[in-house]
Amino acid sequence: MNSAAIKSVCRPLALAALFCLLFAPALTVCAAVHPDLVVFLTDDQGQLDSTPYGGQGIRTPNMQRLADAGMTFTRAYVASPSCAPSRAALLTGLMPARNGAEANHSKPRAELKKWPAHFQELGYEVVAFGKVSHYKHTADYGFDHFSDDGFHQHQSITNAVAWLKARKREGAKPLCLMIGSNWPHVPWPEETSTYDPAKLPLPAGSIDTPATRAWRAKYAAAVTRADADLGLVMAAVRECLPKETITLFTADHGAQWPFGKWNLYESGVAVPLIVSWPGVVKPGARTAAMVQWIDFLPTLLEAAGGKAPADIDGRSFLPVLRGQSAVHRERIFTTHANDNRFNVYPARAVRDDRWKYIRNLHPEFAFTTHIDLVAGRLGQRAFFSTWEAAAQADPQAAAILKRYHARAAEELYDLTADPAEQRNLAADPQHAAKLAALRAALDAWIKSQGDTQKVFAEPRLLSDPSSYGPKAEIGDQQKQAPKKKSVK
């Protein structure tokens, strides 16, 4: 190489080195201009159901190791507590009414720019394994490579690890790798010998029966399997990717448990979020900054050296990761529509630093889920039927069962005093001003989103108990209730 060529190569490197020296106080690291990105998703895992969040008796050592190495977010939220809307919001940076995926099993509009395209423009190879979007929808997103391992299959984790180890590293593009574990989605493991049902705490709002505890142990075993999947991926990342790799772990919504998944309560929309970024994120850090899944796209884009789009709902929380800010959002908005003819129960919610307001758009509808309607392997009628039996003799159980199916038009909770949302204060005159303020905030947000508050499927009505009570039990594949009524 002649001297002129040497100078042309060395001059930019020297300038880059000088830049790092001059601006080192403002920049934590200079080396990883385009850091590799690994996003690991679990399926149906409540925020509290991991060791970094208290665990509720559930062991997740790998999640704890990641928390020890990175930052744990104590107030992280999805856009919607069901799979397809939640993941579509992640992959577009847009809330459900704006991206078109409101009902479960629906897709975002085809013309929208999606996650892979943003990172491909920065020179990234963008790859997906497992349940990243809603199953086969992954093919529509434009990933450079994706693995469709089928419905409720778990080999995607080992396939992802094998792919990462076989990937040619020399000269490779920076990598954005997204991996979705199917755990702890149902069906849950039958083997639960490592958990004693009698010792597991039950979530607030549960009816304590032997069957309930047996199924809680199955869920705990499923979460531990999700943790094992994360451990396999973390080991492969350490072996195959640079030290400066960003690793983000989260879950798509709460557990398939009464008042969890499909609900706008904290147990449905608050999720674990842990981010590791050696050299940038302080190990063992915790933050109460409120963030949402729609924020992941702009945050990781900025971390990758790009610019967050101005026309999406998400906002970068990179300053929180860098330790430059302790706050992000003032309010969190969430939304739910339905899952086929299950839980046809449209609702909207807003929370601020302390208070949560939920608006149930059709309180005349009966709230139902796979838990109370499905008898097969994907449902939990094996324990929910014991709730119905207990309600016949126990007034407290009867009150829980009534609340499961029937909700007030408005709900207001003081999350500081009542984090499990057991006391609805909407009718309390003492909190009328807070109710009015959050009601107005939600109205403004609904209008800004162009949210039509559409009912996407035939509901079950409280006036027709045969459509949602014990006699309404249906099989795994049967989606229609035995009796329909029109909605005015």
Foldseek 3Di string as FASTA:
>chain_A
DDPVVVCVVVVVVVVLVVVCVVCVVVDLDSPQLAFAEEEEAEEAAFACCEVVNPNLQFYQVLVVVLQQQFEWAQAEWFQELDAQQRLQCLFQLAHCLQQVNFAPPDHGDLPGQTQVVLVVVVVEQEEEFDPNHPQPCVVSRDHPYYDRPDDPDACSLVVVLVCLVPDDDVPHTRYHYYYYGHPPADPFDQDLVVDDLVPRDDAPLDDDDPLVSSVVSSNSNRVNVSSVSSVSVVVSCVVRGDPQYKYKYKYSFHHPDQCTRLHPASNGIGMIITIHGPSAGDRNHYAHAHAYSSQPSQQSCVVSVHHRDPPHNHHHPVCVRNVNDRYDDQKDKHWHAYHQQAQRWTKIWMDGPWKIKIATPCQQFWHGHQAQAADDRNYNVVVVVVLVVVLVPDVVSVVSVCCSTGPDRMFMDGCVVCVSRPDGCCVPPVCVVVNVVRVVVRVVVCVVSVPPSDRDHFTHGPVDCCQRHNVQHDHPPDRDTPDGDDDD
